[in-house]
Amino acid sequence: MRSDPADYQLVAPTSLQAVISLLAEEPGAWLPIAGGTDVMVQYAAGKLPTRKLVSIWNLPELRHIHFSPDEVRIGAGCTYTDLREHETVKREFPLLVSAAGWTGGIANQNRGTLGGNIVNASPAADSLPALLAYEADLILISVRGERRLPYLEFHTGYKQTKLAPDELVQAICLPRRFSDYFSYTRKVGARNAQAISKVCIGALGRMAGGVVQEARIALGSVAPVPLRLVQTEGIVKGKPVGASLLALARKTAAAEIRPIDDIRSTVRYRSAVAGNLVAEFLEKLSLGGTKI
């Protein structure tokens, strides 16, 4: 049964400093809400345990995209539409832009934020494999100051993260060194948008001298957390792409993932699809395929 709206308290400070001060006063008591695309689903289902909500929607400190020579810093409050429409992001980070286009319909893309997708910590989230492939760092902020954390280390278990009760994700930092990599991304689901992934992949690669110089492969919806396939990457590095390597990559990828049976799919299906996606990425990489 859904709670009475009167049971909830919503405040909307006008600055980031005011928000983190509030979180510091009662750590864990306040739930930050930006676009609300995940929070309101929980509320409608009667599964929103927190009664105190603090709006961080449209705070200027969280709604920016800044480029420096070495990296781009994307404010956690940036929406998927912000990402899809930014020309430099489109040019240098196509995996992220493709994922932004898959995340719900246009209305959700106008409201949903990259930071919210990260903190919601769904292993099926479309944008998270791209962040793993691009080797993102997170800037976390509290009254104690900022700390920088590799995104690869952020998820500790299903819906569990290293975010402290008094912290916010302030920004996502991506190194600007992948613009000449081959980019590959696929979402397998009932539909490309407005459907949760059965399996999704974001991958980057380079060939040199007829062998795989580097491969960066990340999958969603195949484990309790978004997963970087480090073992599979190591297996294919320095080898030519042929039938034997594709078979080995499929086998290694299947051993790395930990899918489950659920309403959307089965372990058997997810394992087969994950292996096929990895193999397709390597085949296209070896052929010098067109970037997405």
C-alpha atoms as a PDB file:
ATOM      1  CA  MET A   1       0.000   0.000   0.000  1.00  0.00           C
ATOM      2  CA  ARG A   2       1.316   3.423  -0.929  1.00  0.00           C
ATOM      3  CA  SER A   3       1.962   5.828   1.937  1.00  0.00           C
ATOM      4  CA  ASP A   4       0.011   9.036   2.319  1.00  0.00           C
ATOM      5  CA  PRO A   5       1.923  11.929   0.664  1.00  0.00           C
ATOM      6  CA  ALA A   6       1.611  13.777   3.960  1.00  0.00           C
ATOM      7  CA  ASP A   7       4.008  11.227   5.443  1.00  0.00           C
ATOM      8  CA  TYR A   8       6.821  12.692   3.334  1.00  0.00           C
ATOM      9  CA  GLN A   9       8.871  15.851   3.720  1.00  0.00           C
ATOM     10  CA  LEU A  10      10.428  17.517   0.680  1.00  0.00           C
ATOM     11  CA  VAL A  11      12.867  20.415   0.870  1.00  0.00           C
ATOM     12  CA  ALA A  12      14.604  22.210  -1.997  1.00  0.00           C
ATOM     13  CA  PRO A  13      17.774  24.095  -0.970  1.00  0.00           C
ATOM     14  CA  THR A  14      19.081  26.539  -3.541  1.00  0.00           C
ATOM     15  CA  SER A  15      22.766  25.588  -3.320  1.00  0.00           C
ATOM     16  CA  LEU A  16      24.900  22.469  -3.206  1.00  0.00           C
ATOM     17  CA  GLN A  17      26.500  23.616   0.044  1.00  0.00           C
ATOM     18  CA  ALA A  18      23.080  23.793   1.696  1.00  0.00           C
ATOM     19  CA  VAL A  19      22.296  20.267   0.533  1.00  0.00           C
ATOM     20  CA  ILE A  20      25.485  18.688   1.847  1.00  0.00           C
ATOM     21  CA  SER A  21      25.093  20.579   5.140  1.00  0.00           C
ATOM     22  CA  LEU A  22      21.640  19.040   5.507  1.00  0.00           C
ATOM     23  CA  LEU A  23      22.992  15.567   4.770  1.00  0.00           C
ATOM     24  CA  ALA A  24      25.732  16.090   7.371  1.00  0.00           C
ATOM     25  CA  GLU A  25      23.234  17.056  10.070  1.00  0.00           C
ATOM     26  CA  GLU A  26      21.314  13.779   9.724  1.00  0.00           C
ATOM     27  CA  PRO A  27      23.413  11.244   7.774  1.00  0.00           C
ATOM     28  CA  GLY A  28      21.193   8.708   6.056  1.00  0.00           C
ATOM     29  CA  ALA A  29      17.948  10.459   6.943  1.00  0.00           C
ATOM     30  CA  TRP A  30      17.623  12.461   3.709  1.00  0.00           C
ATOM     31  CA  LEU A  31      17.276  10.992   0.232  1.00  0.00           C
ATOM     32  CA  PRO A  32      18.513  13.274  -2.565  1.00  0.00           C
ATOM     33  CA  ILE A  33      16.105  13.418  -5.498  1.00  0.00           C
ATOM     34  CA  ALA A  34      16.999  14.892  -8.891  1.00  0.00           C
ATOM     35  CA  GLY A  35      14.803  13.979 -11.872  1.00  0.00           C
ATOM     36  CA  GLY A  36      12.833  11.503  -9.789  1.00  0.00           C
ATOM     37  CA  THR A  37      12.540   8.900 -12.540  1.00  0.00           C
ATOM     38  CA  ASP A  38      13.611   6.087 -10.177  1.00  0.00           C
ATOM     39  CA  VAL A  39      12.418   7.529  -6.867  1.00  0.00           C
ATOM     40  CA  MET A  40       8.843   8.095  -8.034  1.00  0.00           C
ATOM     41  CA  VAL A  41       8.596   4.531  -9.332  1.00  0.00           C
ATOM     42  CA  GLN A  42       9.582   3.319  -5.859  1.00  0.00           C
ATOM     43  CA  TYR A  43       7.057   5.681  -4.291  1.00  0.00           C
ATOM     44  CA  ALA A  44       4.230   4.543  -6.558  1.00  0.00           C
ATOM     45  CA  ALA A  45       5.026   0.914  -5.705  1.00  0.00           C
ATOM     46  CA  GLY A  46       5.044   1.652  -1.974  1.00  0.00           C
ATOM     47  CA  LYS A  47       8.738   0.759  -1.738  1.00  0.00           C
ATOM     48  CA  LEU A  48      10.258   4.127  -0.840  1.00  0.00           C
ATOM     49  CA  PRO A  49      11.507   3.709   2.743  1.00  0.00           C
ATOM     50  CA  THR A  50      12.970   7.197   3.192  1.00  0.00           C
ATOM     51  CA  ARG A  51      10.475   9.842   4.293  1.00  0.00           C
ATOM     52  CA  LYS A  52      12.738  12.896   4.000  1.00  0.00           C
ATOM     53  CA  LEU A  53      13.547  14.001   0.453  1.00  0.00           C
ATOM     54  CA  VAL A  54      15.928  16.783  -0.547  1.00  0.00           C
ATOM     55  CA  SER A  55      15.694  18.083  -4.093  1.00  0.00           C
ATOM     56  CA  ILE A  56      18.958  18.567  -5.986  1.00  0.00           C
ATOM     57  CA  TRP A  57      17.217  19.143  -9.320  1.00  0.00           C
ATOM     58  CA  ASN A  58      18.811  21.778 -11.533  1.00  0.00           C
ATOM     59  CA  LEU A  59      21.429  22.932  -9.041  1.00  0.00           C
ATOM     60  CA  PRO A  60      24.003  24.800 -11.167  1.00  0.00           C
ATOM     61  CA  GLU A  61      26.898  23.123  -9.316  1.00  0.00           C
ATOM     62  CA  LEU A  62      25.628  19.749 -10.624  1.00  0.00           C
ATOM     63  CA  ARG A  63      24.407  20.767 -14.081  1.00  0.00           C
ATOM     64  CA  HIS A  64      27.501  21.413 -16.179  1.00  0.00           C
ATOM     65  CA  ILE A  65      29.816  19.773 -18.719  1.00  0.00           C
ATOM     66  CA  HIS A  66      33.371  21.123 -18.523  1.00  0.00           C
ATOM     67  CA  PHE A  67      36.207  20.055 -20.833  1.00  0.00           C
ATOM     68  CA  SER A  68      39.906  20.370 -19.966  1.00  0.00           C
ATOM     69  CA  PRO A  69      42.786  19.098 -22.112  1.00  0.00           C
ATOM     70  CA  ASP A  70      42.860  15.748 -20.288  1.00  0.00           C
ATOM     71  CA  GLU A  71      39.271  15.004 -19.258  1.00  0.00           C
ATOM     72  CA  VAL A  72      35.629  15.969 -19.323  1.00  0.00           C
ATOM     73  CA  ARG A  73      33.843  16.610 -16.034  1.00  0.00           C
ATOM     74  CA  ILE A  74      30.117  15.923 -16.262  1.00  0.00           C
ATOM     75  CA  GLY A  75      27.962  17.223 -13.435  1.00  0.00           C
ATOM     76  CA  ALA A  76      25.920  14.478 -11.795  1.00  0.00           C
ATOM     77  CA  GLY A  77      22.762  16.499 -12.403  1.00  0.00           C
ATOM     78  CA  CYS A  78      23.181  16.441 -16.187  1.00  0.00           C
ATOM     79  CA  THR A  79      20.303  14.718 -17.933  1.00  0.00           C
ATOM     80  CA  TYR A  80      20.464  12.163 -20.705  1.00  0.00           C
ATOM     81  CA  THR A  81      19.203  14.856 -23.053  1.00  0.00           C
ATOM     82  CA  ASP A  82      22.130  17.080 -22.015  1.00  0.00           C
ATOM     83  CA  LEU A  83      24.495  14.273 -23.008  1.00  0.00           C
ATOM     84  CA  ARG A  84      22.747  13.430 -26.279  1.00  0.00           C
ATOM     85  CA  GLU A  85      22.775  17.048 -27.431  1.00  0.00           C
ATOM     86  CA  HIS A  86      26.346  18.002 -26.483  1.00  0.00           C
ATOM     87  CA  GLU A  87      28.455  18.003 -29.652  1.00  0.00           C
ATOM     88  CA  THR A  88      31.822  17.209 -28.025  1.00  0.00           C
ATOM     89  CA  VAL A  89      30.337  14.454 -25.869  1.00  0.00           C
ATOM     90  CA  LYS A  90      28.777  12.953 -29.003  1.00  0.00           C
ATOM     91  CA  ARG A  91      32.087  13.050 -30.817  1.00  0.00           C
ATOM     92  CA  GLU A  92      34.372  11.723 -28.069  1.00  0.00           C
ATOM     93  CA  PHE A  93      32.082   9.489 -25.954  1.00  0.00           C
ATOM     94  CA  PRO A  94      29.643   7.760 -28.318  1.00  0.00           C
ATOM     95  CA  LEU A  95      29.054   4.806 -25.966  1.00  0.00           C
ATOM     96  CA  LEU A  96      27.604   7.151 -23.358  1.00  0.00           C
ATOM     97  CA  VAL A  97      25.473   9.022 -25.885  1.00  0.00           C
ATOM     98  CA  SER A  98      24.020   5.785 -27.270  1.00  0.00           C
ATOM     99  CA  ALA A  99      23.159   4.608 -23.757  1.00  0.00           C
ATOM    100  CA  ALA A 100      21.527   7.971 -23.010  1.00  0.00           C
ATOM    101  CA  GLY A 101      19.294   7.444 -26.025  1.00  0.00           C
ATOM    102  CA  TRP A 102      18.167   4.050 -24.715  1.00  0.00           C
ATOM    103  CA  THR A 103      17.248   5.191 -21.207  1.00  0.00           C
ATOM    104  CA  GLY A 104      13.470   5.443 -21.243  1.00  0.00           C
ATOM    105  CA  GLY A 105      11.507   7.740 -23.526  1.00  0.00           C
ATOM    106  CA  ILE A 106      12.133  11.397 -24.271  1.00  0.00           C
ATOM    107  CA  ALA A 107      10.324  12.539 -21.128  1.00  0.00           C
ATOM    108  CA  ASN A 108      12.553  10.353 -18.951  1.00  0.00           C
ATOM    109  CA  GLN A 109      15.653  11.499 -20.823  1.00  0.00           C
ATOM    110  CA  ASN A 110      14.690  15.116 -20.115  1.00  0.00           C
ATOM    111  CA  ARG A 111      14.467  14.402 -16.376  1.00  0.00           C
ATOM    112  CA  GLY A 112      16.687  11.414 -15.624  1.00  0.00           C
ATOM    113  CA  THR A 113      20.261  12.248 -14.581  1.00  0.00           C
ATOM    114  CA  LEU A 114      23.557  10.428 -14.983  1.00  0.00           C
ATOM    115  CA  GLY A 115      24.270  10.758 -11.260  1.00  0.00           C
ATOM    116  CA  GLY A 116      20.891   9.276 -10.409  1.00  0.00           C
ATOM    117  CA  ASN A 117      21.541   6.305 -12.683  1.00  0.00           C
ATOM    118  CA  ILE A 118      24.853   5.693 -10.897  1.00  0.00           C
ATOM    119  CA  VAL A 119      23.523   5.993  -7.352  1.00  0.00           C
ATOM    120  CA  ASN A 120      20.415   3.925  -8.067  1.00  0.00           C
ATOM    121  CA  ALA A 121      22.976   1.175  -8.714  1.00  0.00           C
ATOM    122  CA  SER A 122      20.890  -1.077 -10.916  1.00  0.00           C
ATOM    123  CA  PRO A 123      23.121  -3.669 -12.605  1.00  0.00           C
ATOM    124  CA  ALA A 124      20.884  -3.323 -15.690  1.00  0.00           C
ATOM    125  CA  ALA A 125      21.355   0.456 -16.084  1.00  0.00           C
ATOM    126  CA  ASP A 126      22.226   1.317 -19.675  1.00  0.00           C
ATOM    127  CA  SER A 127      24.835   4.021 -19.022  1.00  0.00           C
ATOM    128  CA  LEU A 128      27.007   2.167 -16.525  1.00  0.00           C
ATOM    129  CA  PRO A 129      28.918  -0.185 -18.889  1.00  0.00           C
ATOM    130  CA  ALA A 130      29.967   2.894 -20.874  1.00  0.00           C
ATOM    131  CA  LEU A 131      31.384   4.493 -17.726  1.00  0.00           C
ATOM    132  CA  LEU A 132      33.362   1.326 -16.976  1.00  0.00           C
ATOM    133  CA  ALA A 133      34.728   1.138 -20.512  1.00  0.00           C
ATOM    134  CA  TYR A 134      35.764   4.800 -20.414  1.00  0.00           C
ATOM    135  CA  GLU A 135      37.472   4.305 -17.025  1.00  0.00           C
ATOM    136  CA  ALA A 136      35.403   6.983 -15.301  1.00  0.00           C
ATOM    137  CA  ASP A 137      36.186   8.510 -11.925  1.00  0.00           C
ATOM    138  CA  LEU A 138      33.529   9.849  -9.572  1.00  0.00           C
ATOM    139  CA  ILE A 139      33.847  13.062  -7.576  1.00  0.00           C
ATOM    140  CA  LEU A 140      32.067  12.568  -4.245  1.00  0.00           C
ATOM    141  CA  ILE A 141      31.344  15.576  -2.059  1.00  0.00           C
ATOM    142  CA  SER A 142      30.385  16.150   1.575  1.00  0.00           C
ATOM    143  CA  VAL A 143      31.082  18.754   4.241  1.00  0.00           C
ATOM    144  CA  ARG A 144      34.457  17.040   4.624  1.00  0.00           C
ATOM    145  CA  GLY A 145      35.373  18.043   1.070  1.00  0.00           C
ATOM    146  CA  GLU A 146      35.757  16.158  -2.207  1.00  0.00           C
ATOM    147  CA  ARG A 147      37.163  12.703  -2.824  1.00  0.00           C
ATOM    148  CA  ARG A 148      37.859  11.031  -6.143  1.00  0.00           C
ATOM    149  CA  LEU A 149      36.985   7.371  -6.595  1.00  0.00           C
ATOM    150  CA  PRO A 150      37.442   5.125  -9.645  1.00  0.00           C
ATOM    151  CA  TYR A 151      33.988   4.137 -10.829  1.00  0.00           C
ATOM    152  CA  LEU A 152      35.183   0.541 -11.109  1.00  0.00           C
ATOM    153  CA  GLU A 153      35.372   0.465  -7.277  1.00  0.00           C
ATOM    154  CA  PHE A 154      32.053   2.214  -6.572  1.00  0.00           C
ATOM    155  CA  HIS A 155      29.674  -0.783  -6.564  1.00  0.00           C
ATOM    156  CA  THR A 156      30.257  -3.267  -3.750  1.00  0.00           C
ATOM    157  CA  GLY A 157      27.208  -5.520  -4.213  1.00  0.00           C
ATOM    158  CA  TYR A 158      23.660  -5.496  -5.487  1.00  0.00           C
ATOM    159  CA  LYS A 159      22.346  -1.957  -4.884  1.00  0.00           C
ATOM    160  CA  GLN A 160      25.324  -1.333  -2.570  1.00  0.00           C
ATOM    161  CA  THR A 161      27.959   1.356  -3.117  1.00  0.00           C
ATOM    162  CA  LYS A 162      30.825   3.163  -1.414  1.00  0.00           C
ATOM    163  CA  LEU A 163      28.806   6.378  -1.160  1.00  0.00           C
ATOM    164  CA  ALA A 164      28.777   7.538   2.476  1.00  0.00           C
ATOM    165  CA  PRO A 165      25.409   8.529   4.018  1.00  0.00           C
ATOM    166  CA  ASP A 166      26.399  12.211   3.986  1.00  0.00           C
ATOM    167  CA  GLU A 167      27.857  12.246   0.447  1.00  0.00           C
ATOM    168  CA  LEU A 168      26.622  13.133  -3.015  1.00  0.00           C
ATOM    169  CA  VAL A 169      28.028  12.255  -6.411  1.00  0.00           C
ATOM    170  CA  GLN A 170      29.045  15.694  -7.666  1.00  0.00           C
ATOM    171  CA  ALA A 171      30.579  14.827 -11.036  1.00  0.00           C
ATOM    172  CA  ILE A 172      31.723  12.077 -13.366  1.00  0.00           C
ATOM    173  CA  CYS A 173      35.180  12.461 -14.960  1.00  0.00           C
ATOM    174  CA  LEU A 174      36.109  10.730 -18.220  1.00  0.00           C
ATOM    175  CA  PRO A 175      39.634  10.795 -19.689  1.00  0.00           C
ATOM    176  CA  ARG A 176      39.837  12.261 -23.177  1.00  0.00           C
ATOM    177  CA  ARG A 177      41.935   9.502 -24.746  1.00  0.00           C
ATOM    178  CA  PHE A 178      39.432   7.210 -26.435  1.00  0.00           C
ATOM    179  CA  SER A 179      38.276   9.254 -29.432  1.00  0.00           C
ATOM    180  CA  ASP A 180      40.296   7.129 -31.874  1.00  0.00           C
ATOM    181  CA  TYR A 181      39.166   3.783 -30.423  1.00  0.00           C
ATOM    182  CA  PHE A 182      36.641   1.542 -32.142  1.00  0.00           C
ATOM    183  CA  SER A 183      33.370   1.806 -30.202  1.00  0.00           C
ATOM    184  CA  TYR A 184      30.770  -0.924 -29.929  1.00  0.00           C
ATOM    185  CA  THR A 185      27.554  -0.950 -27.949  1.00  0.00           C
ATOM    186  CA  ARG A 186      24.397  -3.039 -27.995  1.00  0.00           C
ATOM    187  CA  LYS A 187      21.312  -3.345 -25.850  1.00  0.00           C
ATOM    188  CA  VAL A 188      19.380  -6.597 -25.913  1.00  0.00           C
ATOM    189  CA  GLY A 189      15.860  -6.179 -24.591  1.00  0.00           C
ATOM    190  CA  ALA A 190      12.213  -6.122 -25.545  1.00  0.00           C
ATOM    191  CA  ARG A 191      12.838  -2.651 -27.028  1.00  0.00           C
ATOM    192  CA  ASN A 192      15.825  -0.323 -27.318  1.00  0.00           C
ATOM    193  CA  ALA A 193      14.127   2.232 -25.036  1.00  0.00           C
ATOM    194  CA  GLN A 194      11.494   2.058 -22.296  1.00  0.00           C
ATOM    195  CA  ALA A 195      12.559  -1.494 -21.487  1.00  0.00           C
ATOM    196  CA  ILE A 196      15.087  -2.874 -19.012  1.00  0.00           C
ATOM    197  CA  SER A 197      18.077  -4.578 -20.602  1.00  0.00           C
ATOM    198  CA  LYS A 198      18.371  -8.332 -20.679  1.00  0.00           C
ATOM    199  CA  VAL A 199      22.047  -7.786 -21.516  1.00  0.00           C
ATOM    200  CA  CYS A 200      23.870  -4.614 -22.571  1.00  0.00           C
ATOM    201  CA  ILE A 201      27.477  -4.028 -23.587  1.00  0.00           C
ATOM    202  CA  GLY A 202      29.829  -1.095 -23.983  1.00  0.00           C
ATOM    203  CA  ALA A 203      33.224  -1.853 -25.468  1.00  0.00           C
ATOM    204  CA  LEU A 204      36.269  -0.051 -26.864  1.00  0.00           C
ATOM    205  CA  GLY A 205      39.190  -1.492 -28.767  1.00  0.00           C
ATOM    206  CA  ARG A 206      42.256  -0.938 -30.902  1.00  0.00           C
ATOM    207  CA  MET A 207      44.097  -3.175 -33.362  1.00  0.00           C
ATOM    208  CA  ALA A 208      47.794  -2.918 -34.232  1.00  0.00           C
ATOM    209  CA  GLY A 209      49.894  -5.219 -36.388  1.00  0.00           C
ATOM    210  CA  GLY A 210      46.967  -7.553 -36.935  1.00  0.00           C
ATOM    211  CA  VAL A 211      46.437  -8.256 -33.219  1.00  0.00           C
ATOM    212  CA  VAL A 212      44.240  -6.808 -30.502  1.00  0.00           C
ATOM    213  CA  GLN A 213      46.271  -4.020 -28.936  1.00  0.00           C
ATOM    214  CA  GLU A 214      43.651  -3.213 -26.302  1.00  0.00           C
ATOM    215  CA  ALA A 215      40.082  -4.231 -25.505  1.00  0.00           C
ATOM    216  CA  ARG A 216      37.858  -2.700 -22.846  1.00  0.00           C
ATOM    217  CA  ILE A 217      34.644  -4.659 -22.377  1.00  0.00           C
ATOM    218  CA  ALA A 218      31.840  -3.935 -19.894  1.00  0.00           C
ATOM    219  CA  LEU A 219      28.445  -5.589 -19.512  1.00  0.00           C
ATOM    220  CA  GLY A 220      25.228  -4.823 -17.688  1.00  0.00           C
ATOM    221  CA  SER A 221      22.462  -7.107 -16.410  1.00  0.00           C
ATOM    222  CA  VAL A 222      24.783 -10.114 -16.076  1.00  0.00           C
ATOM    223  CA  ALA A 223      25.903  -9.812 -12.426  1.00  0.00           C
ATOM    224  CA  PRO A 224      24.873  -8.084  -9.169  1.00  0.00           C
ATOM    225  CA  VAL A 225      26.887  -5.048 -10.329  1.00  0.00           C
ATOM    226  CA  PRO A 226      27.840  -3.588 -13.723  1.00  0.00           C
ATOM    227  CA  LEU A 227      30.826  -5.673 -14.773  1.00  0.00           C
ATOM    228  CA  ARG A 228      34.138  -5.035 -16.512  1.00  0.00           C
ATOM    229  CA  LEU A 229      35.373  -8.248 -18.138  1.00  0.00           C
ATOM    230  CA  VAL A 230      39.018  -7.939 -17.105  1.00  0.00           C
ATOM    231  CA  GLN A 231      39.882 -11.603 -17.680  1.00  0.00           C
ATOM    232  CA  THR A 232      38.367 -11.620 -21.142  1.00  0.00           C
ATOM    233  CA  GLU A 233      40.249  -8.433 -22.005  1.00  0.00           C
ATOM    234  CA  GLY A 234      43.499 -10.056 -20.926  1.00  0.00           C
ATOM    235  CA  ILE A 235      42.830 -13.236 -22.922  1.00  0.00           C
ATOM    236  CA  VAL A 236      42.324 -11.389 -26.213  1.00  0.00           C
ATOM    237  CA  LYS A 237      45.114  -8.837 -25.856  1.00  0.00           C
ATOM    238  CA  GLY A 238      48.007  -9.347 -28.242  1.00  0.00           C
ATOM    239  CA  LYS A 239      46.235 -12.032 -30.303  1.00  0.00           C
ATOM    240  CA  PRO A 240      44.828 -12.057 -33.835  1.00  0.00           C
ATOM    241  CA  VAL A 241      41.063 -12.367 -34.085  1.00  0.00           C
ATOM    242  CA  GLY A 242      40.089 -15.735 -35.487  1.00  0.00           C
ATOM    243  CA  ALA A 243      37.730 -18.607 -34.773  1.00  0.00           C
ATOM    244  CA  SER A 244      39.793 -20.000 -31.902  1.00  0.00           C
ATOM    245  CA  LEU A 245      40.079 -16.636 -30.150  1.00  0.00           C
ATOM    246  CA  LEU A 246      36.362 -15.934 -30.570  1.00  0.00           C
ATOM    247  CA  ALA A 247      35.535 -19.311 -29.018  1.00  0.00           C
ATOM    248  CA  LEU A 248      37.930 -18.655 -26.140  1.00  0.00           C
ATOM    249  CA  ALA A 249      36.507 -15.153 -25.612  1.00  0.00           C
ATOM    250  CA  ARG A 250      32.964 -16.547 -25.446  1.00  0.00           C
ATOM    251  CA  LYS A 251      34.021 -19.155 -22.902  1.00  0.00           C
ATOM    252  CA  THR A 252      35.976 -16.687 -20.763  1.00  0.00           C
ATOM    253  CA  ALA A 253      33.190 -14.105 -20.794  1.00  0.00           C
ATOM    254  CA  ALA A 254      30.646 -16.732 -19.737  1.00  0.00           C
ATOM    255  CA  ALA A 255      32.889 -17.715 -16.827  1.00  0.00           C
ATOM    256  CA  GLU A 256      33.286 -14.079 -15.679  1.00  0.00           C
ATOM    257  CA  ILE A 257      29.617 -13.130 -15.525  1.00  0.00           C
ATOM    258  CA  ARG A 258      27.083 -14.121 -12.856  1.00  0.00           C
ATOM    259  CA  PRO A 259      23.634 -13.822 -14.433  1.00  0.00           C
ATOM    260  CA  ILE A 260      20.370 -14.849 -12.791  1.00  0.00           C
ATOM    261  CA  ASP A 261      16.995 -16.137 -13.924  1.00  0.00           C
ATOM    262  CA  ASP A 262      14.363 -13.428 -13.600  1.00  0.00           C
ATOM    263  CA  ILE A 263      11.170 -12.181 -15.227  1.00  0.00           C
ATOM    264  CA  ARG A 264      13.115 -10.715 -18.174  1.00  0.00           C
ATOM    265  CA  SER A 265      15.402 -13.601 -19.063  1.00  0.00           C
ATOM    266  CA  THR A 266      17.313 -16.720 -18.013  1.00  0.00           C
ATOM    267  CA  VAL A 267      20.869 -17.553 -17.030  1.00  0.00           C
ATOM    268  CA  ARG A 268      21.292 -19.666 -20.156  1.00  0.00           C
ATOM    269  CA  TYR A 269      20.056 -16.935 -22.465  1.00  0.00           C
ATOM    270  CA  ARG A 270      22.112 -14.184 -20.844  1.00  0.00           C
ATOM    271  CA  SER A 271      25.272 -16.285 -20.935  1.00  0.00           C
ATOM    272  CA  ALA A 272      24.824 -17.080 -24.611  1.00  0.00           C
ATOM    273  CA  VAL A 273      24.014 -13.480 -25.541  1.00  0.00           C
ATOM    274  CA  ALA A 274      26.911 -12.071 -23.523  1.00  0.00           C
ATOM    275  CA  GLY A 275      29.358 -14.393 -25.287  1.00  0.00           C
ATOM    276  CA  ASN A 276      27.909 -13.549 -28.688  1.00  0.00           C
ATOM    277  CA  LEU A 277      28.136  -9.800 -28.034  1.00  0.00           C
ATOM    278  CA  VAL A 278      31.787 -10.092 -27.011  1.00  0.00           C
ATOM    279  CA  ALA A 279      32.513 -12.114 -30.128  1.00  0.00           C
ATOM    280  CA  GLU A 280      30.680  -9.644 -32.365  1.00  0.00           C
ATOM    281  CA  PHE A 281      32.660  -6.776 -30.859  1.00  0.00           C
ATOM    282  CA  LEU A 282      35.953  -8.544 -31.583  1.00  0.00           C
ATOM    283  CA  GLU A 283      34.924  -9.436 -35.131  1.00  0.00           C
ATOM    284  CA  LYS A 284      33.936  -5.846 -35.919  1.00  0.00           C
ATOM    285  CA  LEU A 285      37.105  -4.570 -34.243  1.00  0.00           C
ATOM    286  CA  SER A 286      39.273  -6.835 -36.419  1.00  0.00           C
ATOM    287  CA  LEU A 287      37.494  -5.648 -39.556  1.00  0.00           C
ATOM    288  CA  GLY A 288      38.011  -1.997 -38.690  1.00  0.00           C
ATOM    289  CA  GLY A 289      34.269  -1.561 -38.370  1.00  0.00           C
ATOM    290  CA  THR A 290      32.565   1.786 -38.459  1.00  0.00           C
ATOM    291  CA  LYS A 291      32.396   3.490 -35.102  1.00  0.00           C
ATOM    292  CA  ILE A 292      28.946   3.941 -33.619  1.00  0.00           C
END
